[in-house]
Amino acid sequence: MRPKTKLQMEIVNGSRKLAPVSEAQKRYAYKHCFVHYFKRDAKGNCFCLDCGHTWRDKEDKKNCKCPHCGMNLKLENSRKRTAVYKEYFCVITTYKQYQVVRFFMVNTPLIIS
């Protein structure tokens, strides 16, 4: 979009002065936007796809909590080797008298072995 009016020019110039997404906002997006999974093999070994921790669990549960990172996990019961999950999150800030809503797409590739 080419800014034509004075208001549009002010908004385009202001968009260049906005702060980039902080590391805390990125961590929040990865933690809260996605469903976190774990894999279980036939022997009962569980593998957290979030932190990579491995533990033994005799029970056949669909949901559990990782003992290492404390994340609530859901059983990934598929044969896929890789997966890419995409979600959107928004950051609401103010600039001068304007309320700015910025949308970002977050990708998380998983290598499931």
PDB file of N, CA and C in Angstrom:
ATOM      1  N   MET A   1       0.845  -1.179   0.000  1.00  0.00           N
ATOM      2  CA  MET A   1       0.000   0.000   0.000  1.00  0.00           C
ATOM      3  C   MET A   1       0.886   1.235   0.000  1.00  0.00           C
ATOM      4  N   ARG A   2       0.605   2.125  -0.883  1.00  0.00           N
ATOM      5  CA  ARG A   2       1.314   3.396  -0.893  1.00  0.00           C
ATOM      6  C   ARG A   2       0.497   4.396  -0.095  1.00  0.00           C
ATOM      7  N   PRO A   3       1.091   5.002   0.923  1.00  0.00           N
ATOM      8  CA  PRO A   3       0.343   5.973   1.727  1.00  0.00           C
ATOM      9  C   PRO A   3       0.047   7.225   0.911  1.00  0.00           C
ATOM     10  N   LYS A   4      -1.215   7.637   0.960  1.00  0.00           N
ATOM     11  CA  LYS A   4      -1.626   8.798   0.169  1.00  0.00           C
ATOM     12  C   LYS A   4      -2.020   9.985   1.037  1.00  0.00           C
ATOM     13  N   THR A   5      -2.641   9.718   2.163  1.00  0.00           N
ATOM     14  CA  THR A   5      -3.086  10.818   3.019  1.00  0.00           C
ATOM     15  C   THR A   5      -2.070  11.032   4.143  1.00  0.00           C
ATOM     16  N   LYS A   6      -2.257  12.129   4.855  1.00  0.00           N
ATOM     17  CA  LYS A   6      -1.358  12.472   5.954  1.00  0.00           C
ATOM     18  C   LYS A   6      -1.443  11.417   7.066  1.00  0.00           C
ATOM     19  N   LEU A   7      -2.648  10.935   7.354  1.00  0.00           N
ATOM     20  CA  LEU A   7      -2.850   9.907   8.372  1.00  0.00           C
ATOM     21  C   LEU A   7      -2.153   8.608   7.974  1.00  0.00           C
ATOM     22  N   GLN A   8      -2.284   8.188   6.719  1.00  0.00           N
ATOM     23  CA  GLN A   8      -1.638   6.968   6.251  1.00  0.00           C
ATOM     24  C   GLN A   8      -0.114   7.091   6.317  1.00  0.00           C
ATOM     25  N   MET A   9       0.429   8.244   5.995  1.00  0.00           N
ATOM     26  CA  MET A   9       1.880   8.446   6.074  1.00  0.00           C
ATOM     27  C   MET A   9       2.367   8.375   7.515  1.00  0.00           C
ATOM     28  N   GLU A  10       1.590   8.921   8.439  1.00  0.00           N
ATOM     29  CA  GLU A  10       1.962   8.871   9.854  1.00  0.00           C
ATOM     30  C   GLU A  10       1.966   7.422  10.358  1.00  0.00           C
ATOM     31  N   ILE A  11       0.992   6.633   9.920  1.00  0.00           N
ATOM     32  CA  ILE A  11       0.902   5.243  10.347  1.00  0.00           C
ATOM     33  C   ILE A  11       2.053   4.428   9.765  1.00  0.00           C
ATOM     34  N   VAL A  12       2.388   4.617   8.508  1.00  0.00           N
ATOM     35  CA  VAL A  12       3.483   3.875   7.886  1.00  0.00           C
ATOM     36  C   VAL A  12       4.807   4.247   8.542  1.00  0.00           C
ATOM     37  N   ASN A  13       5.037   5.514   8.822  1.00  0.00           N
ATOM     38  CA  ASN A  13       6.270   5.927   9.492  1.00  0.00           C
ATOM     39  C   ASN A  13       6.324   5.397  10.927  1.00  0.00           C
ATOM     40  N   GLY A  14       5.184   5.326  11.584  1.00  0.00           N
ATOM     41  CA  GLY A  14       5.140   4.795  12.943  1.00  0.00           C
ATOM     42  C   GLY A  14       5.373   3.302  12.989  1.00  0.00           C
ATOM     43  N   SER A  15       4.971   2.588  11.942  1.00  0.00           N
ATOM     44  CA  SER A  15       5.174   1.135  11.935  1.00  0.00           C
ATOM     45  C   SER A  15       6.653   0.772  11.889  1.00  0.00           C
ATOM     46  N   ARG A  16       7.472   1.633  11.372  1.00  0.00           N
ATOM     47  CA  ARG A  16       8.916   1.383  11.342  1.00  0.00           C
ATOM     48  C   ARG A  16       9.549   1.559  12.717  1.00  0.00           C
ATOM     49  N   LYS A  17       8.896   2.284  13.601  1.00  0.00           N
ATOM     50  CA  LYS A  17       9.452   2.567  14.923  1.00  0.00           C
ATOM     51  C   LYS A  17       8.980   1.594  15.996  1.00  0.00           C
ATOM     52  N   LEU A  18       8.127   0.647  15.635  1.00  0.00           N
ATOM     53  CA  LEU A  18       7.654  -0.329  16.614  1.00  0.00           C
ATOM     54  C   LEU A  18       8.772  -1.295  16.981  1.00  0.00           C
ATOM     55  N   ALA A  19       8.790  -1.691  18.227  1.00  0.00           N
ATOM     56  CA  ALA A  19       9.807  -2.624  18.704  1.00  0.00           C
ATOM     57  C   ALA A  19       9.546  -4.011  18.127  1.00  0.00           C
ATOM     58  N   PRO A  20      10.590  -4.771  17.832  1.00  0.00           N
ATOM     59  CA  PRO A  20      10.381  -6.138  17.359  1.00  0.00           C
ATOM     60  C   PRO A  20       9.821  -7.011  18.480  1.00  0.00           C
ATOM     61  N   VAL A  21       9.378  -8.190  18.120  1.00  0.00           N
ATOM     62  CA  VAL A  21       8.817  -9.119  19.095  1.00  0.00           C
ATOM     63  C   VAL A  21       9.938  -9.550  20.044  1.00  0.00           C
ATOM     64  N   SER A  22       9.692  -9.480  21.344  1.00  0.00           N
ATOM     65  CA  SER A  22      10.718  -9.823  22.326  1.00  0.00           C
ATOM     66  C   SER A  22      10.821 -11.336  22.488  1.00  0.00           C
ATOM     67  N   GLU A  23      11.905 -11.774  23.114  1.00  0.00           N
ATOM     68  CA  GLU A  23      12.103 -13.201  23.353  1.00  0.00           C
ATOM     69  C   GLU A  23      11.051 -13.753  24.311  1.00  0.00           C
ATOM     70  N   ALA A  24      10.623 -12.953  25.275  1.00  0.00           N
ATOM     71  CA  ALA A  24       9.585 -13.391  26.214  1.00  0.00           C
ATOM     72  C   ALA A  24       8.266 -13.623  25.488  1.00  0.00           C
ATOM     73  N   GLN A  25       7.929 -12.766  24.528  1.00  0.00           N
ATOM     74  CA  GLN A  25       6.705 -12.940  23.747  1.00  0.00           C
ATOM     75  C   GLN A  25       6.801 -14.181  22.872  1.00  0.00           C
ATOM     76  N   LYS A  26       7.975 -14.465  22.311  1.00  0.00           N
ATOM     77  CA  LYS A  26       8.158 -15.668  21.497  1.00  0.00           C
ATOM     78  C   LYS A  26       8.011 -16.927  22.349  1.00  0.00           C
ATOM     79  N   ARG A  27       8.627 -16.927  23.552  1.00  0.00           N
ATOM     80  CA  ARG A  27       8.507 -18.082  24.442  1.00  0.00           C
ATOM     81  C   ARG A  27       7.051 -18.315  24.829  1.00  0.00           C
ATOM     82  N   TYR A  28       6.327 -17.231  25.107  1.00  0.00           N
ATOM     83  CA  TYR A  28       4.915 -17.347  25.467  1.00  0.00           C
ATOM     84  C   TYR A  28       4.117 -17.963  24.312  1.00  0.00           C
ATOM     85  N   ALA A  29       4.410 -17.529  23.087  1.00  0.00           N
ATOM     86  CA  ALA A  29       3.693 -18.048  21.919  1.00  0.00           C
ATOM     87  C   ALA A  29       3.957 -19.542  21.735  1.00  0.00           C
ATOM     88  N   TYR A  30       5.220 -19.968  21.851  1.00  0.00           N
ATOM     89  CA  TYR A  30       5.527 -21.382  21.689  1.00  0.00           C
ATOM     90  C   TYR A  30       4.907 -22.225  22.803  1.00  0.00           C
ATOM     91  N   LYS A  31       4.820 -21.662  24.001  1.00  0.00           N
ATOM     92  CA  LYS A  31       4.300 -22.429  25.132  1.00  0.00           C
ATOM     93  C   LYS A  31       2.780 -22.542  25.104  1.00  0.00           C
ATOM     94  N   HIS A  32       2.071 -21.493  24.673  1.00  0.00           N
ATOM     95  CA  HIS A  32       0.618 -21.456  24.797  1.00  0.00           C
ATOM     96  C   HIS A  32      -0.157 -21.647  23.490  1.00  0.00           C
ATOM     97  N   CYS A  33       0.466 -21.516  22.349  1.00  0.00           N
ATOM     98  CA  CYS A  33      -0.269 -21.613  21.083  1.00  0.00           C
ATOM     99  C   CYS A  33      -0.403 -23.049  20.585  1.00  0.00           C
ATOM    100  N   PHE A  34       0.499 -23.919  20.960  1.00  0.00           N
ATOM    101  CA  PHE A  34       0.535 -25.259  20.398  1.00  0.00           C
ATOM    102  C   PHE A  34       0.091 -26.305  21.403  1.00  0.00           C
ATOM    103  N   VAL A  35      -0.392 -27.422  20.877  1.00  0.00           N
ATOM    104  CA  VAL A  35      -0.620 -28.614  21.690  1.00  0.00           C
ATOM    105  C   VAL A  35       0.723 -29.326  21.768  1.00  0.00           C
ATOM    106  N   HIS A  36       1.139 -29.699  22.952  1.00  0.00           N
ATOM    107  CA  HIS A  36       2.430 -30.345  23.147  1.00  0.00           C
ATOM    108  C   HIS A  36       2.219 -31.857  23.215  1.00  0.00           C
ATOM    109  N   TYR A  37       3.090 -32.604  22.522  1.00  0.00           N
ATOM    110  CA  TYR A  37       2.904 -34.031  22.342  1.00  0.00           C
ATOM    111  C   TYR A  37       4.028 -34.839  22.973  1.00  0.00           C
ATOM    112  N   PHE A  38       3.729 -36.130  23.200  1.00  0.00           N
ATOM    113  CA  PHE A  38       4.748 -37.107  23.551  1.00  0.00           C
ATOM    114  C   PHE A  38       4.487 -38.385  22.762  1.00  0.00           C
ATOM    115  N   LYS A  39       5.541 -39.187  22.573  1.00  0.00           N
ATOM    116  CA  LYS A  39       5.440 -40.470  21.875  1.00  0.00           C
ATOM    117  C   LYS A  39       5.713 -41.573  22.882  1.00  0.00           C
ATOM    118  N   ARG A  40       5.084 -42.723  22.677  1.00  0.00           N
ATOM    119  CA  ARG A  40       5.307 -43.887  23.516  1.00  0.00           C
ATOM    120  C   ARG A  40       5.584 -45.079  22.614  1.00  0.00           C
ATOM    121  N   ASP A  41       6.625 -45.840  22.952  1.00  0.00           N
ATOM    122  CA  ASP A  41       6.909 -47.040  22.169  1.00  0.00           C
ATOM    123  C   ASP A  41       6.242 -48.250  22.823  1.00  0.00           C
ATOM    124  N   ALA A  42       6.438 -49.422  22.247  1.00  0.00           N
ATOM    125  CA  ALA A  42       5.771 -50.637  22.718  1.00  0.00           C
ATOM    126  C   ALA A  42       6.256 -51.076  24.098  1.00  0.00           C
ATOM    127  N   LYS A  43       7.461 -50.688  24.483  1.00  0.00           N
ATOM    128  CA  LYS A  43       8.018 -51.087  25.776  1.00  0.00           C
ATOM    129  C   LYS A  43       7.594 -50.161  26.910  1.00  0.00           C
ATOM    130  N   GLY A  44       6.900 -49.085  26.592  1.00  0.00           N
ATOM    131  CA  GLY A  44       6.469 -48.152  27.621  1.00  0.00           C
ATOM    132  C   GLY A  44       7.391 -46.971  27.812  1.00  0.00           C
ATOM    133  N   ASN A  45       8.392 -46.798  26.957  1.00  0.00           N
ATOM    134  CA  ASN A  45       9.264 -45.632  27.027  1.00  0.00           C
ATOM    135  C   ASN A  45       8.555 -44.440  26.424  1.00  0.00           C
ATOM    136  N   CYS A  46       8.486 -43.352  27.154  1.00  0.00           N
ATOM    137  CA  CYS A  46       7.839 -42.131  26.679  1.00  0.00           C
ATOM    138  C   CYS A  46       8.899 -41.109  26.321  1.00  0.00           C
ATOM    139  N   PHE A  47       8.630 -40.331  25.286  1.00  0.00           N
ATOM    140  CA  PHE A  47       9.575 -39.343  24.781  1.00  0.00           C
ATOM    141  C   PHE A  47       8.851 -38.017  24.623  1.00  0.00           C
ATOM    142  N   CYS A  48       9.267 -37.011  25.384  1.00  0.00           N
ATOM    143  CA  CYS A  48       8.660 -35.675  25.305  1.00  0.00           C
ATOM    144  C   CYS A  48       9.176 -34.971  24.048  1.00  0.00           C
ATOM    145  N   LEU A  49       8.276 -34.546  23.181  1.00  0.00           N
ATOM    146  CA  LEU A  49       8.676 -33.850  21.959  1.00  0.00           C
ATOM    147  C   LEU A  49       8.942 -32.375  22.205  1.00  0.00           C
ATOM    148  N   ASP A  50       8.757 -31.934  23.440  1.00  0.00           N
ATOM    149  CA  ASP A  50       9.022 -30.540  23.787  1.00  0.00           C
ATOM    150  C   ASP A  50      10.469 -30.350  24.234  1.00  0.00           C
ATOM    151  N   CYS A  51      10.903 -31.156  25.216  1.00  0.00           N
ATOM    152  CA  CYS A  51      12.248 -30.984  25.760  1.00  0.00           C
ATOM    153  C   CYS A  51      13.181 -32.140  25.421  1.00  0.00           C
ATOM    154  N   GLY A  52      12.642 -33.276  24.941  1.00  0.00           N
ATOM    155  CA  GLY A  52      13.464 -34.419  24.573  1.00  0.00           C
ATOM    156  C   GLY A  52      13.726 -35.400  25.701  1.00  0.00           C
ATOM    157  N   HIS A  53      13.090 -35.200  26.849  1.00  0.00           N
ATOM    158  CA  HIS A  53      13.299 -36.088  27.995  1.00  0.00           C
ATOM    159  C   HIS A  53      12.636 -37.441  27.738  1.00  0.00           C
ATOM    160  N   THR A  54      13.261 -38.522  28.215  1.00  0.00           N
ATOM    161  CA  THR A  54      12.729 -39.874  28.070  1.00  0.00           C
ATOM    162  C   THR A  54      12.492 -40.463  29.451  1.00  0.00           C
ATOM    163  N   TRP A  55      11.344 -41.130  29.635  1.00  0.00           N
ATOM    164  CA  TRP A  55      11.031 -41.793  30.887  1.00  0.00           C
ATOM    165  C   TRP A  55      10.170 -43.019  30.610  1.00  0.00           C
ATOM    166  N   ARG A  56      10.063 -43.890  31.618  1.00  0.00           N
ATOM    167  CA  ARG A  56       9.234 -45.097  31.492  1.00  0.00           C
ATOM    168  C   ARG A  56       7.908 -44.853  32.181  1.00  0.00           C
ATOM    169  N   ASP A  57       6.848 -45.304  31.510  1.00  0.00           N
ATOM    170  CA  ASP A  57       5.504 -45.177  32.071  1.00  0.00           C
ATOM    171  C   ASP A  57       4.748 -46.457  31.742  1.00  0.00           C
ATOM    172  N   LYS A  58       4.323 -47.168  32.759  1.00  0.00           N
ATOM    173  CA  LYS A  58       3.633 -48.448  32.556  1.00  0.00           C
ATOM    174  C   LYS A  58       2.171 -48.240  32.153  1.00  0.00           C
ATOM    175  N   GLU A  59       1.582 -47.142  32.580  1.00  0.00           N
ATOM    176  CA  GLU A  59       0.160 -46.911  32.314  1.00  0.00           C
ATOM    177  C   GLU A  59      -0.057 -46.472  30.874  1.00  0.00           C
ATOM    178  N   ASP A  60      -1.225 -46.813  30.349  1.00  0.00           N
ATOM    179  CA  ASP A  60      -1.603 -46.420  28.985  1.00  0.00           C
ATOM    180  C   ASP A  60      -2.462 -45.164  29.056  1.00  0.00           C
ATOM    181  N   LYS A  61      -1.836 -44.010  29.213  1.00  0.00           N
ATOM    182  CA  LYS A  61      -2.571 -42.753  29.335  1.00  0.00           C
ATOM    183  C   LYS A  61      -2.496 -41.984  28.021  1.00  0.00           C
ATOM    184  N   LYS A  62      -3.539 -41.244  27.735  1.00  0.00           N
ATOM    185  CA  LYS A  62      -3.549 -40.387  26.546  1.00  0.00           C
ATOM    186  C   LYS A  62      -2.933 -39.023  26.844  1.00  0.00           C
ATOM    187  N   ASN A  63      -2.970 -38.611  28.107  1.00  0.00           N
ATOM    188  CA  ASN A  63      -2.397 -37.337  28.536  1.00  0.00           C
ATOM    189  C   ASN A  63      -1.488 -37.587  29.730  1.00  0.00           C
ATOM    190  N   CYS A  64      -0.403 -36.851  29.815  1.00  0.00           N
ATOM    191  CA  CYS A  64       0.477 -36.955  30.973  1.00  0.00           C
ATOM    192  C   CYS A  64       1.246 -35.650  31.126  1.00  0.00           C
ATOM    193  N   LYS A  65       2.070 -35.597  32.148  1.00  0.00           N
ATOM    194  CA  LYS A  65       2.901 -34.427  32.409  1.00  0.00           C
ATOM    195  C   LYS A  65       4.353 -34.867  32.348  1.00  0.00           C
ATOM    196  N   CYS A  66       5.169 -34.105  31.628  1.00  0.00           N
ATOM    197  CA  CYS A  66       6.592 -34.429  31.510  1.00  0.00           C
ATOM    198  C   CYS A  66       7.255 -34.211  32.867  1.00  0.00           C
ATOM    199  N   PRO A  67       8.008 -35.213  33.376  1.00  0.00           N
ATOM    200  CA  PRO A  67       8.666 -35.024  34.666  1.00  0.00           C
ATOM    201  C   PRO A  67       9.824 -34.033  34.614  1.00  0.00           C
ATOM    202  N   HIS A  68      10.348 -33.752  33.424  1.00  0.00           N
ATOM    203  CA  HIS A  68      11.494 -32.849  33.310  1.00  0.00           C
ATOM    204  C   HIS A  68      11.069 -31.389  33.153  1.00  0.00           C
ATOM    205  N   CYS A  69      10.209 -31.111  32.172  1.00  0.00           N
ATOM    206  CA  CYS A  69       9.830 -29.711  31.902  1.00  0.00           C
ATOM    207  C   CYS A  69       8.481 -29.331  32.506  1.00  0.00           C
ATOM    208  N   GLY A  70       7.699 -30.308  32.959  1.00  0.00           N
ATOM    209  CA  GLY A  70       6.422 -30.011  33.599  1.00  0.00           C
ATOM    210  C   GLY A  70       5.302 -29.639  32.639  1.00  0.00           C
ATOM    211  N   MET A  71       5.488 -29.859  31.349  1.00  0.00           N
ATOM    212  CA  MET A  71       4.493 -29.499  30.346  1.00  0.00           C
ATOM    213  C   MET A  71       3.418 -30.579  30.269  1.00  0.00           C
ATOM    214  N   ASN A  72       2.156 -30.165  30.150  1.00  0.00           N
ATOM    215  CA  ASN A  72       1.071 -31.118  29.929  1.00  0.00           C
ATOM    216  C   ASN A  72       1.152 -31.609  28.491  1.00  0.00           C
ATOM    217  N   LEU A  73       1.208 -32.907  28.307  1.00  0.00           N
ATOM    218  CA  LEU A  73       1.447 -33.496  26.996  1.00  0.00           C
ATOM    219  C   LEU A  73       0.274 -34.370  26.580  1.00  0.00           C
ATOM    220  N   LYS A  74       0.092 -34.476  25.272  1.00  0.00           N
ATOM    221  CA  LYS A  74      -0.943 -35.309  24.675  1.00  0.00           C
ATOM    222  C   LYS A  74      -0.239 -36.376  23.838  1.00  0.00           C
ATOM    223  N   LEU A  75      -0.780 -37.579  23.827  1.00  0.00           N
ATOM    224  CA  LEU A  75      -0.172 -38.681  23.092  1.00  0.00           C
ATOM    225  C   LEU A  75      -0.305 -38.450  21.591  1.00  0.00           C
ATOM    226  N   GLU A  76       0.826 -38.483  20.890  1.00  0.00           N
ATOM    227  CA  GLU A  76       0.858 -38.391  19.423  1.00  0.00           C
ATOM    228  C   GLU A  76       0.861 -39.811  18.904  1.00  0.00           C
ATOM    229  N   ASN A  77      -0.252 -40.240  18.351  1.00  0.00           N
ATOM    230  CA  ASN A  77      -0.417 -41.623  17.940  1.00  0.00           C
ATOM    231  C   ASN A  77      -0.506 -41.691  16.421  1.00  0.00           C
ATOM    232  N   SER A  78       0.614 -41.479  15.765  1.00  0.00           N
ATOM    233  CA  SER A  78       0.628 -41.535  14.304  1.00  0.00           C
ATOM    234  C   SER A  78       1.959 -42.095  13.842  1.00  0.00           C
ATOM    235  N   ARG A  79       2.052 -42.354  12.551  1.00  0.00           N
ATOM    236  CA  ARG A  79       3.277 -42.899  11.977  1.00  0.00           C
ATOM    237  C   ARG A  79       4.104 -41.837  11.265  1.00  0.00           C
ATOM    238  N   LYS A  80       3.711 -40.584  11.358  1.00  0.00           N
ATOM    239  CA  LYS A  80       4.478 -39.570  10.660  1.00  0.00           C
ATOM    240  C   LYS A  80       5.827 -39.343  11.320  1.00  0.00           C
ATOM    241  N   ARG A  81       6.817 -39.061  10.502  1.00  0.00           N
ATOM    242  CA  ARG A  81       8.182 -38.855  10.985  1.00  0.00           C
ATOM    243  C   ARG A  81       8.469 -37.388  11.249  1.00  0.00           C
ATOM    244  N   THR A  82       7.842 -36.501  10.500  1.00  0.00           N
ATOM    245  CA  THR A  82       8.007 -35.070  10.722  1.00  0.00           C
ATOM    246  C   THR A  82       6.638 -34.410  10.722  1.00  0.00           C
ATOM    247  N   ALA A  83       6.550 -33.298  11.377  1.00  0.00           N
ATOM    248  CA  ALA A  83       5.297 -32.545  11.426  1.00  0.00           C
ATOM    249  C   ALA A  83       5.642 -31.069  11.561  1.00  0.00           C
ATOM    250  N   VAL A  84       4.849 -30.235  10.922  1.00  0.00           N
ATOM    251  CA  VAL A  84       5.005 -28.791  11.052  1.00  0.00           C
ATOM    252  C   VAL A  84       3.673 -28.233  11.523  1.00  0.00           C
ATOM    253  N   TYR A  85       3.699 -27.587  12.656  1.00  0.00           N
ATOM    254  CA  TYR A  85       2.505 -26.971  13.206  1.00  0.00           C
ATOM    255  C   TYR A  85       2.641 -25.467  13.068  1.00  0.00           C
ATOM    256  N   LYS A  86       1.580 -24.815  12.602  1.00  0.00           N
ATOM    257  CA  LYS A  86       1.577 -23.366  12.396  1.00  0.00           C
ATOM    258  C   LYS A  86       0.399 -22.768  13.151  1.00  0.00           C
ATOM    259  N   GLU A  87       0.665 -21.708  13.877  1.00  0.00           N
ATOM    260  CA  GLU A  87      -0.366 -20.989  14.618  1.00  0.00           C
ATOM    261  C   GLU A  87      -0.086 -19.494  14.516  1.00  0.00           C
ATOM    262  N   TYR A  88      -1.096 -18.715  14.800  1.00  0.00           N
ATOM    263  CA  TYR A  88      -0.978 -17.269  14.812  1.00  0.00           C
ATOM    264  C   TYR A  88      -1.124 -16.756  16.235  1.00  0.00           C
ATOM    265  N   PHE A  89      -0.394 -15.699  16.554  1.00  0.00           N
ATOM    266  CA  PHE A  89      -0.609 -14.995  17.807  1.00  0.00           C
ATOM    267  C   PHE A  89      -0.494 -13.504  17.533  1.00  0.00           C
ATOM    268  N   CYS A  90      -1.105 -12.716  18.390  1.00  0.00           N
ATOM    269  CA  CYS A  90      -1.078 -11.272  18.164  1.00  0.00           C
ATOM    270  C   CYS A  90      -0.505 -10.569  19.385  1.00  0.00           C
ATOM    271  N   VAL A  91       0.109  -9.431  19.127  1.00  0.00           N
ATOM    272  CA  VAL A  91       0.673  -8.583  20.160  1.00  0.00           C
ATOM    273  C   VAL A  91      -0.023  -7.234  20.050  1.00  0.00           C
ATOM    274  N   ILE A  92      -0.592  -6.797  21.158  1.00  0.00           N
ATOM    275  CA  ILE A  92      -1.306  -5.517  21.175  1.00  0.00           C
ATOM    276  C   ILE A  92      -0.440  -4.501  21.897  1.00  0.00           C
ATOM    277  N   THR A  93      -0.131  -3.394  21.210  1.00  0.00           N
ATOM    278  CA  THR A  93       0.661  -2.322  21.797  1.00  0.00           C
ATOM    279  C   THR A  93       0.016  -0.993  21.435  1.00  0.00           C
ATOM    280  N   THR A  94       0.559   0.073  21.976  1.00  0.00           N
ATOM    281  CA  THR A  94       0.090   1.412  21.613  1.00  0.00           C
ATOM    282  C   THR A  94       1.261   2.194  21.048  1.00  0.00           C
ATOM    283  N   TYR A  95       0.968   3.037  20.103  1.00  0.00           N
ATOM    284  CA  TYR A  95       1.941   3.958  19.535  1.00  0.00           C
ATOM    285  C   TYR A  95       1.243   5.292  19.367  1.00  0.00           C
ATOM    286  N   LYS A  96       1.751   6.311  20.061  1.00  0.00           N
ATOM    287  CA  LYS A  96       1.112   7.629  20.128  1.00  0.00           C
ATOM    288  C   LYS A  96      -0.337   7.442  20.574  1.00  0.00           C
ATOM    289  N   GLN A  97      -1.307   7.848  19.785  1.00  0.00           N
ATOM    290  CA  GLN A  97      -2.709   7.689  20.175  1.00  0.00           C
ATOM    291  C   GLN A  97      -3.359   6.487  19.499  1.00  0.00           C
ATOM    292  N   TYR A  98      -2.561   5.611  18.876  1.00  0.00           N
ATOM    293  CA  TYR A  98      -3.108   4.492  18.129  1.00  0.00           C
ATOM    294  C   TYR A  98      -2.926   3.184  18.902  1.00  0.00           C
ATOM    295  N   GLN A  99      -3.893   2.313  18.785  1.00  0.00           N
ATOM    296  CA  GLN A  99      -3.768   0.958  19.308  1.00  0.00           C
ATOM    297  C   GLN A  99      -3.350   0.072  18.141  1.00  0.00           C
ATOM    298  N   VAL A 100      -2.247  -0.627  18.302  1.00  0.00           N
ATOM    299  CA  VAL A 100      -1.666  -1.417  17.222  1.00  0.00           C
ATOM    300  C   VAL A 100      -1.805  -2.898  17.564  1.00  0.00           C
ATOM    301  N   VAL A 101      -2.405  -3.644  16.648  1.00  0.00           N
ATOM    302  CA  VAL A 101      -2.529  -5.086  16.804  1.00  0.00           C
ATOM    303  C   VAL A 101      -1.689  -5.723  15.691  1.00  0.00           C
ATOM    304  N   ARG A 102      -0.623  -6.414  16.106  1.00  0.00           N
ATOM    305  CA  ARG A 102       0.261  -7.055  15.133  1.00  0.00           C
ATOM    306  C   ARG A 102       0.088  -8.561  15.223  1.00  0.00           C
ATOM    307  N   PHE A 103      -0.083  -9.213  14.076  1.00  0.00           N
ATOM    308  CA  PHE A 103      -0.268 -10.655  14.003  1.00  0.00           C
ATOM    309  C   PHE A 103       1.022 -11.293  13.507  1.00  0.00           C
ATOM    310  N   PHE A 104       1.400 -12.409  14.149  1.00  0.00           N
ATOM    311  CA  PHE A 104       2.598 -13.144  13.782  1.00  0.00           C
ATOM    312  C   PHE A 104       2.240 -14.611  13.620  1.00  0.00           C
ATOM    313  N   MET A 105       2.913 -15.274  12.684  1.00  0.00           N
ATOM    314  CA  MET A 105       2.735 -16.704  12.505  1.00  0.00           C
ATOM    315  C   MET A 105       3.935 -17.413  13.133  1.00  0.00           C
ATOM    316  N   VAL A 106       3.655 -18.446  13.921  1.00  0.00           N
ATOM    317  CA  VAL A 106       4.688 -19.206  14.599  1.00  0.00           C
ATOM    318  C   VAL A 106       4.686 -20.611  14.016  1.00  0.00           C
ATOM    319  N   ASN A 107       5.862 -21.077  13.585  1.00  0.00           N
ATOM    320  CA  ASN A 107       6.023 -22.432  13.060  1.00  0.00           C
ATOM    321  C   ASN A 107       6.822 -23.245  14.063  1.00  0.00           C
ATOM    322  N   THR A 108       6.468 -24.487  14.219  1.00  0.00           N
ATOM    323  CA  THR A 108       7.254 -25.386  15.048  1.00  0.00           C
ATOM    324  C   THR A 108       7.417 -26.711  14.329  1.00  0.00           C
ATOM    325  N   PRO A 109       8.568 -26.937  13.714  1.00  0.00           N
ATOM    326  CA  PRO A 109       8.790 -28.245  13.065  1.00  0.00           C
ATOM    327  C   PRO A 109       9.175 -29.280  14.111  1.00  0.00           C
ATOM    328  N   LEU A 110       8.606 -30.456  14.021  1.00  0.00           N
ATOM    329  CA  LEU A 110       8.921 -31.557  14.934  1.00  0.00           C
ATOM    330  C   LEU A 110       9.522 -32.691  14.124  1.00  0.00           C
ATOM    331  N   ILE A 111      10.574 -33.250  14.638  1.00  0.00           N
ATOM    332  CA  ILE A 111      11.147 -34.466  14.045  1.00  0.00           C
ATOM    333  C   ILE A 111      10.812 -35.592  14.991  1.00  0.00           C
ATOM    334  N   ILE A 112       9.931 -36.451  14.567  1.00  0.00           N
ATOM    335  CA  ILE A 112       9.419 -37.529  15.404  1.00  0.00           C
ATOM    336  C   ILE A 112      10.138 -38.809  14.977  1.00  0.00           C
ATOM    337  N   SER A 113      10.853 -39.393  15.873  1.00  0.00           N
ATOM    338  CA  SER A 113      11.553 -40.632  15.510  1.00  0.00           C
ATOM    339  C   SER A 113      11.084 -41.793  16.346  1.00  0.00           C
TER     340      SER A 113
END
